mmCIF file of all heavy atoms, coordinates in Angstrom:
data_MODEL
# 
_entry.id   MODEL 
# 
loop_
_atom_site.group_PDB 
_atom_site.id 
_atom_site.type_symbol 
_atom_site.label_atom_id 
_atom_site.label_alt_id 
_atom_site.label_comp_id 
_atom_site.label_asym_id 
_atom_site.label_entity_id 
_atom_site.label_seq_id 
_atom_site.pdbx_PDB_ins_code 
_atom_site.Cartn_x 
_atom_site.Cartn_y 
_atom_site.Cartn_z 
_atom_site.occupancy 
_atom_site.B_iso_or_equiv 
_atom_site.pdbx_formal_charge 
_atom_site.auth_seq_id 
_atom_site.auth_comp_id 
_atom_site.auth_asym_id 
_atom_site.auth_atom_id 
_atom_site.pdbx_PDB_model_num 
ATOM 1   N N   . ALA A 1 1  ? 136.077 21.861 148.708 1.00 0.00 ? 1  ALA A N   1 
ATOM 2   C CA  . ALA A 1 1  ? 135.013 21.676 147.653 1.00 0.00 ? 1  ALA A CA  1 
ATOM 3   C C   . ALA A 1 1  ? 135.262 20.360 146.944 1.00 0.00 ? 1  ALA A C   1 
ATOM 4   O O   . ALA A 1 1  ? 134.299 19.611 146.663 1.00 0.00 ? 1  ALA A O   1 
ATOM 5   C CB  . ALA A 1 1  ? 135.052 22.859 146.697 1.00 0.00 ? 1  ALA A CB  1 
ATOM 6   N N   . ILE A 1 2  ? 136.532 20.036 146.666 1.00 0.00 ? 2  ILE A N   1 
ATOM 7   C CA  . ILE A 1 2  ? 136.861 18.807 145.992 1.00 0.00 ? 2  ILE A CA  1 
ATOM 8   C C   . ILE A 1 2  ? 136.520 17.624 146.880 1.00 0.00 ? 2  ILE A C   1 
ATOM 9   O O   . ILE A 1 2  ? 135.869 16.651 146.422 1.00 0.00 ? 2  ILE A O   1 
ATOM 10  C CB  . ILE A 1 2  ? 138.362 18.786 145.637 1.00 0.00 ? 2  ILE A CB  1 
ATOM 11  C CG1 . ILE A 1 2  ? 138.633 19.858 144.542 1.00 0.00 ? 2  ILE A CG1 1 
ATOM 12  C CG2 . ILE A 1 2  ? 138.827 17.420 145.182 1.00 0.00 ? 2  ILE A CG2 1 
ATOM 13  C CD1 . ILE A 1 2  ? 140.124 20.166 144.377 1.00 0.00 ? 2  ILE A CD1 1 
ATOM 14  N N   . LEU A 1 3  ? 136.936 17.642 148.128 1.00 0.00 ? 3  LEU A N   1 
ATOM 15  C CA  . LEU A 1 3  ? 136.683 16.496 149.022 1.00 0.00 ? 3  LEU A CA  1 
ATOM 16  C C   . LEU A 1 3  ? 135.163 16.340 149.295 1.00 0.00 ? 3  LEU A C   1 
ATOM 17  O O   . LEU A 1 3  ? 134.693 15.215 149.429 1.00 0.00 ? 3  LEU A O   1 
ATOM 18  C CB  . LEU A 1 3  ? 137.417 16.666 150.316 1.00 0.00 ? 3  LEU A CB  1 
ATOM 19  C CG  . LEU A 1 3  ? 138.929 16.410 150.248 1.00 0.00 ? 3  LEU A CG  1 
ATOM 20  C CD1 . LEU A 1 3  ? 139.585 16.680 151.572 1.00 0.00 ? 3  LEU A CD1 1 
ATOM 21  C CD2 . LEU A 1 3  ? 139.194 14.950 149.800 1.00 0.00 ? 3  LEU A CD2 1 
ATOM 22  N N   . SER A 1 4  ? 134.470 17.433 149.369 1.00 0.00 ? 4  SER A N   1 
ATOM 23  C CA  . SER A 1 4  ? 133.016 17.349 149.624 1.00 0.00 ? 4  SER A CA  1 
ATOM 24  C C   . SER A 1 4  ? 132.314 16.605 148.562 1.00 0.00 ? 4  SER A C   1 
ATOM 25  O O   . SER A 1 4  ? 131.247 15.958 148.831 1.00 0.00 ? 4  SER A O   1 
ATOM 26  C CB  . SER A 1 4  ? 132.426 18.775 149.739 1.00 0.00 ? 4  SER A CB  1 
ATOM 27  O OG  . SER A 1 4  ? 132.910 19.438 150.861 1.00 0.00 ? 4  SER A OG  1 
ATOM 28  N N   . LYS A 1 5  ? 132.825 16.638 147.338 1.00 0.00 ? 5  LYS A N   1 
ATOM 29  C CA  . LYS A 1 5  ? 132.194 15.908 146.233 1.00 0.00 ? 5  LYS A CA  1 
ATOM 30  C C   . LYS A 1 5  ? 132.669 14.489 146.169 1.00 0.00 ? 5  LYS A C   1 
ATOM 31  O O   . LYS A 1 5  ? 131.960 13.579 145.757 1.00 0.00 ? 5  LYS A O   1 
ATOM 32  C CB  . LYS A 1 5  ? 132.484 16.624 144.913 1.00 0.00 ? 5  LYS A CB  1 
ATOM 33  C CG  . LYS A 1 5  ? 131.775 17.938 144.818 1.00 0.00 ? 5  LYS A CG  1 
ATOM 34  C CD  . LYS A 1 5  ? 132.088 18.670 143.539 1.00 0.00 ? 5  LYS A CD  1 
ATOM 35  C CE  . LYS A 1 5  ? 131.300 19.973 143.526 1.00 0.00 ? 5  LYS A CE  1 
ATOM 36  N NZ  . LYS A 1 5  ? 132.007 21.054 142.891 1.00 0.00 ? 5  LYS A NZ  1 
ATOM 37  N N   . ARG A 1 6  ? 133.931 14.236 146.601 1.00 0.00 ? 6  ARG A N   1 
ATOM 38  C CA  . ARG A 1 6  ? 134.517 12.884 146.456 1.00 0.00 ? 6  ARG A CA  1 
ATOM 39  C C   . ARG A 1 6  ? 134.245 11.950 147.657 1.00 0.00 ? 6  ARG A C   1 
ATOM 40  O O   . ARG A 1 6  ? 134.122 10.768 147.490 1.00 0.00 ? 6  ARG A O   1 
ATOM 41  C CB  . ARG A 1 6  ? 136.043 13.006 146.320 1.00 0.00 ? 6  ARG A CB  1 
ATOM 42  C CG  . ARG A 1 6  ? 136.500 13.535 145.011 1.00 0.00 ? 6  ARG A CG  1 
ATOM 43  C CD  . ARG A 1 6  ? 137.970 13.484 144.921 1.00 0.00 ? 6  ARG A CD  1 
ATOM 44  N NE  . ARG A 1 6  ? 138.436 14.128 143.709 1.00 0.00 ? 6  ARG A NE  1 
ATOM 45  C CZ  . ARG A 1 6  ? 139.676 14.335 143.441 1.00 0.00 ? 6  ARG A CZ  1 
ATOM 46  N NH1 . ARG A 1 6  ? 140.663 13.933 144.275 1.00 0.00 ? 6  ARG A NH1 1 
ATOM 47  N NH2 . ARG A 1 6  ? 140.029 14.961 142.303 1.00 0.00 ? 6  ARG A NH2 1 
ATOM 48  N N   . VAL A 1 7  ? 134.162 12.511 148.833 1.00 0.00 ? 7  VAL A N   1 
ATOM 49  C CA  . VAL A 1 7  ? 134.115 11.694 150.007 1.00 0.00 ? 7  VAL A CA  1 
ATOM 50  C C   . VAL A 1 7  ? 132.606 11.701 150.518 1.00 0.00 ? 7  VAL A C   1 
ATOM 51  O O   . VAL A 1 7  ? 132.042 12.744 150.806 1.00 0.00 ? 7  VAL A O   1 
ATOM 52  C CB  . VAL A 1 7  ? 135.039 12.225 151.137 1.00 0.00 ? 7  VAL A CB  1 
ATOM 53  C CG1 . VAL A 1 7  ? 134.848 11.380 152.388 1.00 0.00 ? 7  VAL A CG1 1 
ATOM 54  C CG2 . VAL A 1 7  ? 136.437 12.205 150.653 1.00 0.00 ? 7  VAL A CG2 1 
ATOM 55  N N   . LYS A 1 8  ? 132.071 10.507 150.659 1.00 0.00 ? 8  LYS A N   1 
ATOM 56  C CA  . LYS A 1 8  ? 130.682 10.354 151.105 1.00 0.00 ? 8  LYS A CA  1 
ATOM 57  C C   . LYS A 1 8  ? 130.675 10.262 152.622 1.00 0.00 ? 8  LYS A C   1 
ATOM 58  O O   . LYS A 1 8  ? 130.511 9.210  153.183 1.00 0.00 ? 8  LYS A O   1 
ATOM 59  C CB  . LYS A 1 8  ? 130.014 9.193  150.477 1.00 0.00 ? 8  LYS A CB  1 
ATOM 60  C CG  . LYS A 1 8  ? 129.989 9.258  148.967 1.00 0.00 ? 8  LYS A CG  1 
ATOM 61  C CD  . LYS A 1 8  ? 129.028 8.355  148.346 1.00 0.00 ? 8  LYS A CD  1 
ATOM 62  C CE  . LYS A 1 8  ? 128.968 8.359  146.861 1.00 0.00 ? 8  LYS A CE  1 
ATOM 63  N NZ  . LYS A 1 8  ? 129.119 9.612  146.175 1.00 0.00 ? 8  LYS A NZ  1 
ATOM 64  N N   . ASN A 1 9  ? 130.800 11.453 153.271 1.00 0.00 ? 9  ASN A N   1 
ATOM 65  C CA  . ASN A 1 9  ? 130.819 11.514 154.715 1.00 0.00 ? 9  ASN A CA  1 
ATOM 66  C C   . ASN A 1 9  ? 130.261 12.863 155.118 1.00 0.00 ? 9  ASN A C   1 
ATOM 67  O O   . ASN A 1 9  ? 130.672 13.911 154.661 1.00 0.00 ? 9  ASN A O   1 
ATOM 68  C CB  . ASN A 1 9  ? 132.246 11.356 155.241 1.00 0.00 ? 9  ASN A CB  1 
ATOM 69  C CG  . ASN A 1 9  ? 132.327 11.370 156.732 1.00 0.00 ? 9  ASN A CG  1 
ATOM 70  O OD1 . ASN A 1 9  ? 132.174 12.442 157.322 1.00 0.00 ? 9  ASN A OD1 1 
ATOM 71  N ND2 . ASN A 1 9  ? 132.602 10.238 157.329 1.00 0.00 ? 9  ASN A ND2 1 
ATOM 72  N N   . ALA A 1 10 ? 129.285 12.888 156.029 1.00 0.00 ? 10 ALA A N   1 
ATOM 73  C CA  . ALA A 1 10 ? 128.622 14.088 156.405 1.00 0.00 ? 10 ALA A CA  1 
ATOM 74  C C   . ALA A 1 10 ? 129.557 15.122 157.061 1.00 0.00 ? 10 ALA A C   1 
ATOM 75  O O   . ALA A 1 10 ? 129.440 16.342 156.836 1.00 0.00 ? 10 ALA A O   1 
ATOM 76  C CB  . ALA A 1 10 ? 127.437 13.786 157.383 1.00 0.00 ? 10 ALA A CB  1 
ATOM 77  N N   . THR A 1 11 ? 130.558 14.630 157.822 1.00 0.00 ? 11 THR A N   1 
ATOM 78  C CA  . THR A 1 11 ? 131.517 15.533 158.456 1.00 0.00 ? 11 THR A CA  1 
ATOM 79  C C   . THR A 1 11 ? 132.342 16.243 157.399 1.00 0.00 ? 11 THR A C   1 
ATOM 80  O O   . THR A 1 11 ? 132.553 17.471 157.489 1.00 0.00 ? 11 THR A O   1 
ATOM 81  C CB  . THR A 1 11 ? 132.412 14.761 159.444 1.00 0.00 ? 11 THR A CB  1 
ATOM 82  O OG1 . THR A 1 11 ? 131.590 14.253 160.466 1.00 0.00 ? 11 THR A OG1 1 
ATOM 83  C CG2 . THR A 1 11 ? 133.510 15.687 160.016 1.00 0.00 ? 11 THR A CG2 1 
ATOM 84  N N   . ILE A 1 12 ? 132.808 15.506 156.378 1.00 0.00 ? 12 ILE A N   1 
ATOM 85  C CA  . ILE A 1 12 ? 133.620 16.101 155.349 1.00 0.00 ? 12 ILE A CA  1 
ATOM 86  C C   . ILE A 1 12 ? 132.821 17.092 154.567 1.00 0.00 ? 12 ILE A C   1 
ATOM 87  O O   . ILE A 1 12 ? 133.320 18.120 154.102 1.00 0.00 ? 12 ILE A O   1 
ATOM 88  C CB  . ILE A 1 12 ? 134.239 15.008 154.473 1.00 0.00 ? 12 ILE A CB  1 
ATOM 89  C CG1 . ILE A 1 12 ? 135.037 14.045 155.247 1.00 0.00 ? 12 ILE A CG1 1 
ATOM 90  C CG2 . ILE A 1 12 ? 135.056 15.642 153.305 1.00 0.00 ? 12 ILE A CG2 1 
ATOM 91  C CD1 . ILE A 1 12 ? 136.217 14.620 156.051 1.00 0.00 ? 12 ILE A CD1 1 
ATOM 92  N N   . ARG A 1 13 ? 131.537 16.772 154.322 1.00 0.00 ? 13 ARG A N   1 
ATOM 93  C CA  . ARG A 1 13 ? 130.714 17.677 153.542 1.00 0.00 ? 13 ARG A CA  1 
ATOM 94  C C   . ARG A 1 13 ? 130.333 18.983 154.261 1.00 0.00 ? 13 ARG A C   1 
ATOM 95  O O   . ARG A 1 13 ? 129.961 19.960 153.664 1.00 0.00 ? 13 ARG A O   1 
ATOM 96  C CB  . ARG A 1 13 ? 129.439 16.952 153.094 1.00 0.00 ? 13 ARG A CB  1 
ATOM 97  C CG  . ARG A 1 13 ? 129.802 15.893 152.061 1.00 0.00 ? 13 ARG A CG  1 
ATOM 98  C CD  . ARG A 1 13 ? 128.577 15.270 151.532 1.00 0.00 ? 13 ARG A CD  1 
ATOM 99  N NE  . ARG A 1 13 ? 128.959 14.388 150.428 1.00 0.00 ? 13 ARG A NE  1 
ATOM 100 C CZ  . ARG A 1 13 ? 128.220 13.436 149.939 1.00 0.00 ? 13 ARG A CZ  1 
ATOM 101 N NH1 . ARG A 1 13 ? 127.025 13.231 150.438 1.00 0.00 ? 13 ARG A NH1 1 
ATOM 102 N NH2 . ARG A 1 13 ? 128.635 12.684 148.967 1.00 0.00 ? 13 ARG A NH2 1 
ATOM 103 N N   . LYS A 1 14 ? 130.391 18.988 155.585 1.00 0.00 ? 14 LYS A N   1 
ATOM 104 C CA  . LYS A 1 14 ? 130.058 20.125 156.374 1.00 0.00 ? 14 LYS A CA  1 
ATOM 105 C C   . LYS A 1 14 ? 131.134 21.216 156.156 1.00 0.00 ? 14 LYS A C   1 
ATOM 106 O O   . LYS A 1 14 ? 132.331 20.915 155.995 1.00 0.00 ? 14 LYS A O   1 
ATOM 107 C CB  . LYS A 1 14 ? 130.006 19.736 157.892 1.00 0.00 ? 14 LYS A CB  1 
ATOM 108 C CG  . LYS A 1 14 ? 129.437 20.787 158.766 1.00 0.00 ? 14 LYS A CG  1 
ATOM 109 C CD  . LYS A 1 14 ? 129.226 20.246 160.135 1.00 0.00 ? 14 LYS A CD  1 
ATOM 110 C CE  . LYS A 1 14 ? 128.677 21.301 161.082 1.00 0.00 ? 14 LYS A CE  1 
ATOM 111 N NZ  . LYS A 1 14 ? 128.519 20.812 162.436 1.00 0.00 ? 14 LYS A NZ  1 
ATOM 112 N N   . ASP A 1 15 ? 130.717 22.481 156.155 1.00 0.00 ? 15 ASP A N   1 
ATOM 113 C CA  . ASP A 1 15 ? 131.652 23.603 156.006 1.00 0.00 ? 15 ASP A CA  1 
ATOM 114 C C   . ASP A 1 15 ? 132.751 23.458 157.079 1.00 0.00 ? 15 ASP A C   1 
ATOM 115 O O   . ASP A 1 15 ? 132.476 23.358 158.241 1.00 0.00 ? 15 ASP A O   1 
ATOM 116 C CB  . ASP A 1 15 ? 130.886 24.921 156.195 1.00 0.00 ? 15 ASP A CB  1 
ATOM 117 C CG  . ASP A 1 15 ? 131.763 26.107 155.844 1.00 0.00 ? 15 ASP A CG  1 
ATOM 118 O OD1 . ASP A 1 15 ? 132.921 26.196 156.316 1.00 0.00 ? 15 ASP A OD1 1 
ATOM 119 O OD2 . ASP A 1 15 ? 131.244 27.041 155.188 1.00 0.00 ? 15 ASP A OD2 1 
ATOM 120 N N   . PHE A 1 16 ? 133.985 23.526 156.594 1.00 0.00 ? 16 PHE A N   1 
ATOM 121 C CA  . PHE A 1 16 ? 135.159 23.290 157.502 1.00 0.00 ? 16 PHE A CA  1 
ATOM 122 C C   . PHE A 1 16 ? 135.144 24.280 158.672 1.00 0.00 ? 16 PHE A C   1 
ATOM 123 O O   . PHE A 1 16 ? 135.506 23.883 159.789 1.00 0.00 ? 16 PHE A O   1 
ATOM 124 C CB  . PHE A 1 16 ? 136.469 23.412 156.694 1.00 0.00 ? 16 PHE A CB  1 
ATOM 125 C CG  . PHE A 1 16 ? 137.675 23.023 157.507 1.00 0.00 ? 16 PHE A CG  1 
ATOM 126 C CD1 . PHE A 1 16 ? 137.905 21.686 157.854 1.00 0.00 ? 16 PHE A CD1 1 
ATOM 127 C CD2 . PHE A 1 16 ? 138.574 23.968 157.887 1.00 0.00 ? 16 PHE A CD2 1 
ATOM 128 C CE1 . PHE A 1 16 ? 139.029 21.348 158.582 1.00 0.00 ? 16 PHE A CE1 1 
ATOM 129 C CE2 . PHE A 1 16 ? 139.707 23.633 158.623 1.00 0.00 ? 16 PHE A CE2 1 
ATOM 130 C CZ  . PHE A 1 16 ? 139.933 22.313 158.940 1.00 0.00 ? 16 PHE A CZ  1 
ATOM 131 N N   . ASP A 1 17 ? 134.806 25.528 158.451 1.00 0.00 ? 17 ASP A N   1 
ATOM 132 C CA  . ASP A 1 17 ? 134.789 26.513 159.545 1.00 0.00 ? 17 ASP A CA  1 
ATOM 133 C C   . ASP A 1 17 ? 133.703 26.270 160.589 1.00 0.00 ? 17 ASP A C   1 
ATOM 134 O O   . ASP A 1 17 ? 133.770 26.820 161.637 1.00 0.00 ? 17 ASP A O   1 
ATOM 135 C CB  . ASP A 1 17 ? 134.614 27.930 158.915 1.00 0.00 ? 17 ASP A CB  1 
ATOM 136 C CG  . ASP A 1 17 ? 135.854 28.361 158.129 1.00 0.00 ? 17 ASP A CG  1 
ATOM 137 O OD1 . ASP A 1 17 ? 136.954 27.871 158.403 1.00 0.00 ? 17 ASP A OD1 1 
ATOM 138 O OD2 . ASP A 1 17 ? 135.660 29.155 157.171 1.00 0.00 ? 17 ASP A OD2 1 
ATOM 139 N N   . ASP A 1 18 ? 132.717 25.443 160.252 1.00 0.00 ? 18 ASP A N   1 
ATOM 140 C CA  . ASP A 1 18 ? 131.592 25.179 161.132 1.00 0.00 ? 18 ASP A CA  1 
ATOM 141 C C   . ASP A 1 18 ? 131.810 23.855 161.944 1.00 0.00 ? 18 ASP A C   1 
ATOM 142 O O   . ASP A 1 18 ? 130.928 23.495 162.703 1.00 0.00 ? 18 ASP A O   1 
ATOM 143 C CB  . ASP A 1 18 ? 130.293 25.112 160.407 1.00 0.00 ? 18 ASP A CB  1 
ATOM 144 C CG  . ASP A 1 18 ? 129.897 26.434 159.826 1.00 0.00 ? 18 ASP A CG  1 
ATOM 145 O OD1 . ASP A 1 18 ? 130.346 27.466 160.361 1.00 0.00 ? 18 ASP A OD1 1 
ATOM 146 O OD2 . ASP A 1 18 ? 129.086 26.440 158.877 1.00 0.00 ? 18 ASP A OD2 1 
ATOM 147 N N   . LEU A 1 19 ? 132.932 23.170 161.732 1.00 0.00 ? 19 LEU A N   1 
ATOM 148 C CA  . LEU A 1 19 ? 133.147 21.919 162.443 1.00 0.00 ? 19 LEU A CA  1 
ATOM 149 C C   . LEU A 1 19 ? 133.373 22.131 163.924 1.00 0.00 ? 19 LEU A C   1 
ATOM 150 O O   . LEU A 1 19 ? 134.022 23.086 164.295 1.00 0.00 ? 19 LEU A O   1 
ATOM 151 C CB  . LEU A 1 19 ? 134.347 21.196 161.865 1.00 0.00 ? 19 LEU A CB  1 
ATOM 152 C CG  . LEU A 1 19 ? 134.300 20.780 160.364 1.00 0.00 ? 19 LEU A CG  1 
ATOM 153 C CD1 . LEU A 1 19 ? 135.590 20.136 159.975 1.00 0.00 ? 19 LEU A CD1 1 
ATOM 154 C CD2 . LEU A 1 19 ? 133.138 19.776 160.162 1.00 0.00 ? 19 LEU A CD2 1 
ATOM 155 N N   . ASP A 1 20 ? 132.865 21.223 164.732 1.00 0.00 ? 20 ASP A N   1 
ATOM 156 C CA  . ASP A 1 20 ? 133.162 21.310 166.170 1.00 0.00 ? 20 ASP A CA  1 
ATOM 157 C C   . ASP A 1 20 ? 134.400 20.458 166.445 1.00 0.00 ? 20 ASP A C   1 
ATOM 158 O O   . ASP A 1 20 ? 134.950 19.833 165.536 1.00 0.00 ? 20 ASP A O   1 
ATOM 159 C CB  . ASP A 1 20 ? 131.952 20.844 166.990 1.00 0.00 ? 20 ASP A CB  1 
ATOM 160 C CG  . ASP A 1 20 ? 131.554 19.397 166.777 1.00 0.00 ? 20 ASP A CG  1 
ATOM 161 O OD1 . ASP A 1 20 ? 132.422 18.526 166.441 1.00 0.00 ? 20 ASP A OD1 1 
ATOM 162 O OD2 . ASP A 1 20 ? 130.383 19.061 166.936 1.00 0.00 ? 20 ASP A OD2 1 
ATOM 163 N N   . TYR A 1 21 ? 134.848 20.434 167.650 1.00 0.00 ? 21 TYR A N   1 
ATOM 164 C CA  . TYR A 1 21 ? 136.107 19.758 167.980 1.00 0.00 ? 21 TYR A CA  1 
ATOM 165 C C   . TYR A 1 21 ? 136.115 18.324 167.597 1.00 0.00 ? 21 TYR A C   1 
ATOM 166 O O   . TYR A 1 21 ? 137.065 17.831 167.000 1.00 0.00 ? 21 TYR A O   1 
ATOM 167 C CB  . TYR A 1 21 ? 136.340 19.895 169.513 1.00 0.00 ? 21 TYR A CB  1 
ATOM 168 C CG  . TYR A 1 21 ? 137.524 19.099 169.957 1.00 0.00 ? 21 TYR A CG  1 
ATOM 169 C CD1 . TYR A 1 21 ? 138.818 19.625 169.805 1.00 0.00 ? 21 TYR A CD1 1 
ATOM 170 C CD2 . TYR A 1 21 ? 137.419 17.855 170.534 1.00 0.00 ? 21 TYR A CD2 1 
ATOM 171 C CE1 . TYR A 1 21 ? 139.964 18.903 170.174 1.00 0.00 ? 21 TYR A CE1 1 
ATOM 172 C CE2 . TYR A 1 21 ? 138.525 17.096 170.909 1.00 0.00 ? 21 TYR A CE2 1 
ATOM 173 C CZ  . TYR A 1 21 ? 139.792 17.650 170.743 1.00 0.00 ? 21 TYR A CZ  1 
ATOM 174 O OH  . TYR A 1 21 ? 140.909 16.903 171.068 1.00 0.00 ? 21 TYR A OH  1 
ATOM 175 N N   . TYR A 1 22 ? 135.051 17.597 167.882 1.00 0.00 ? 22 TYR A N   1 
ATOM 176 C CA  . TYR A 1 22 ? 134.970 16.144 167.600 1.00 0.00 ? 22 TYR A CA  1 
ATOM 177 C C   . TYR A 1 22 ? 135.114 15.921 166.067 1.00 0.00 ? 22 TYR A C   1 
ATOM 178 O O   . TYR A 1 22 ? 135.769 14.990 165.646 1.00 0.00 ? 22 TYR A O   1 
ATOM 179 C CB  . TYR A 1 22 ? 133.631 15.577 168.024 1.00 0.00 ? 22 TYR A CB  1 
ATOM 180 C CG  . TYR A 1 22 ? 133.414 15.588 169.483 1.00 0.00 ? 22 TYR A CG  1 
ATOM 181 C CD1 . TYR A 1 22 ? 132.559 16.545 170.078 1.00 0.00 ? 22 TYR A CD1 1 
ATOM 182 C CD2 . TYR A 1 22 ? 134.009 14.650 170.340 1.00 0.00 ? 22 TYR A CD2 1 
ATOM 183 C CE1 . TYR A 1 22 ? 132.335 16.537 171.436 1.00 0.00 ? 22 TYR A CE1 1 
ATOM 184 C CE2 . TYR A 1 22 ? 133.785 14.651 171.675 1.00 0.00 ? 22 TYR A CE2 1 
ATOM 185 C CZ  . TYR A 1 22 ? 132.941 15.609 172.257 1.00 0.00 ? 22 TYR A CZ  1 
ATOM 186 O OH  . TYR A 1 22 ? 132.736 15.620 173.619 1.00 0.00 ? 22 TYR A OH  1 
ATOM 187 N N   . GLN A 1 23 ? 134.531 16.797 165.314 1.00 0.00 ? 23 GLN A N   1 
ATOM 188 C CA  . GLN A 1 23 ? 134.538 16.619 163.846 1.00 0.00 ? 23 GLN A CA  1 
ATOM 189 C C   . GLN A 1 23 ? 135.935 16.935 163.281 1.00 0.00 ? 23 GLN A C   1 
ATOM 190 O O   . GLN A 1 23 ? 136.392 16.229 162.391 1.00 0.00 ? 23 GLN A O   1 
ATOM 191 C CB  . GLN A 1 23 ? 133.472 17.504 163.214 1.00 0.00 ? 23 GLN A CB  1 
ATOM 192 C CG  . GLN A 1 23 ? 132.065 17.041 163.530 1.00 0.00 ? 23 GLN A CG  1 
ATOM 193 C CD  . GLN A 1 23 ? 131.002 18.053 163.159 1.00 0.00 ? 23 GLN A CD  1 
ATOM 194 O OE1 . GLN A 1 23 ? 131.227 19.257 163.296 1.00 0.00 ? 23 GLN A OE1 1 
ATOM 195 N NE2 . GLN A 1 23 ? 129.899 17.582 162.674 1.00 0.00 ? 23 GLN A NE2 1 
ATOM 196 N N   . VAL A 1 24 ? 136.563 17.926 163.841 1.00 0.00 ? 24 VAL A N   1 
ATOM 197 C CA  . VAL A 1 24 ? 137.941 18.209 163.422 1.00 0.00 ? 24 VAL A CA  1 
ATOM 198 C C   . VAL A 1 24 ? 138.846 16.992 163.711 1.00 0.00 ? 24 VAL A C   1 
ATOM 199 O O   . VAL A 1 24 ? 139.594 16.579 162.812 1.00 0.00 ? 24 VAL A O   1 
ATOM 200 C CB  . VAL A 1 24 ? 138.508 19.473 164.130 1.00 0.00 ? 24 VAL A CB  1 
ATOM 201 C CG1 . VAL A 1 24 ? 140.005 19.660 163.855 1.00 0.00 ? 24 VAL A CG1 1 
ATOM 202 C CG2 . VAL A 1 24 ? 137.736 20.715 163.725 1.00 0.00 ? 24 VAL A CG2 1 
ATOM 203 N N   . VAL A 1 25 ? 138.736 16.452 164.883 1.00 0.00 ? 25 VAL A N   1 
ATOM 204 C CA  . VAL A 1 25 ? 139.563 15.268 165.247 1.00 0.00 ? 25 VAL A CA  1 
ATOM 205 C C   . VAL A 1 25 ? 139.229 14.098 164.288 1.00 0.00 ? 25 VAL A C   1 
ATOM 206 O O   . VAL A 1 25 ? 140.140 13.337 163.904 1.00 0.00 ? 25 VAL A O   1 
ATOM 207 C CB  . VAL A 1 25 ? 139.334 14.897 166.727 1.00 0.00 ? 25 VAL A CB  1 
ATOM 208 C CG1 . VAL A 1 25 ? 139.925 13.532 167.058 1.00 0.00 ? 25 VAL A CG1 1 
ATOM 209 C CG2 . VAL A 1 25 ? 139.872 15.967 167.621 1.00 0.00 ? 25 VAL A CG2 1 
ATOM 210 N N   . SER A 1 26 ? 137.962 13.959 163.942 1.00 0.00 ? 26 SER A N   1 
ATOM 211 C CA  . SER A 1 26 ? 137.615 12.789 163.107 1.00 0.00 ? 26 SER A CA  1 
ATOM 212 C C   . SER A 1 26 ? 138.254 12.854 161.668 1.00 0.00 ? 26 SER A C   1 
ATOM 213 O O   . SER A 1 26 ? 138.395 11.821 161.058 1.00 0.00 ? 26 SER A O   1 
ATOM 214 C CB  . SER A 1 26 ? 136.052 12.684 162.969 1.00 0.00 ? 26 SER A CB  1 
ATOM 215 O OG  . SER A 1 26 ? 135.565 13.708 162.143 1.00 0.00 ? 26 SER A OG  1 
ATOM 216 N N   . TYR A 1 27 ? 138.607 14.039 161.232 1.00 0.00 ? 27 TYR A N   1 
ATOM 217 C CA  . TYR A 1 27 ? 139.271 14.150 159.907 1.00 0.00 ? 27 TYR A CA  1 
ATOM 218 C C   . TYR A 1 27 ? 140.517 13.247 159.891 1.00 0.00 ? 27 TYR A C   1 
ATOM 219 O O   . TYR A 1 27 ? 140.866 12.684 158.837 1.00 0.00 ? 27 TYR A O   1 
ATOM 220 C CB  . TYR A 1 27 ? 139.720 15.573 159.670 1.00 0.00 ? 27 TYR A CB  1 
ATOM 221 C CG  . TYR A 1 27 ? 138.793 16.382 158.805 1.00 0.00 ? 27 TYR A CG  1 
ATOM 222 C CD1 . TYR A 1 27 ? 137.496 16.626 159.149 1.00 0.00 ? 27 TYR A CD1 1 
ATOM 223 C CD2 . TYR A 1 27 ? 139.252 16.926 157.590 1.00 0.00 ? 27 TYR A CD2 1 
ATOM 224 C CE1 . TYR A 1 27 ? 136.640 17.382 158.391 1.00 0.00 ? 27 TYR A CE1 1 
ATOM 225 C CE2 . TYR A 1 27 ? 138.400 17.713 156.788 1.00 0.00 ? 27 TYR A CE2 1 
ATOM 226 C CZ  . TYR A 1 27 ? 137.128 17.907 157.174 1.00 0.00 ? 27 TYR A CZ  1 
ATOM 227 O OH  . TYR A 1 27 ? 136.286 18.658 156.387 1.00 0.00 ? 27 TYR A OH  1 
# 
């Protein structure tokens, strides 16, 4: 919740449990 507000990135704002493999790696 903290990072979703601070980081202007669609992947970070997406629910962590809903991330696909590519998005997890991009973190």
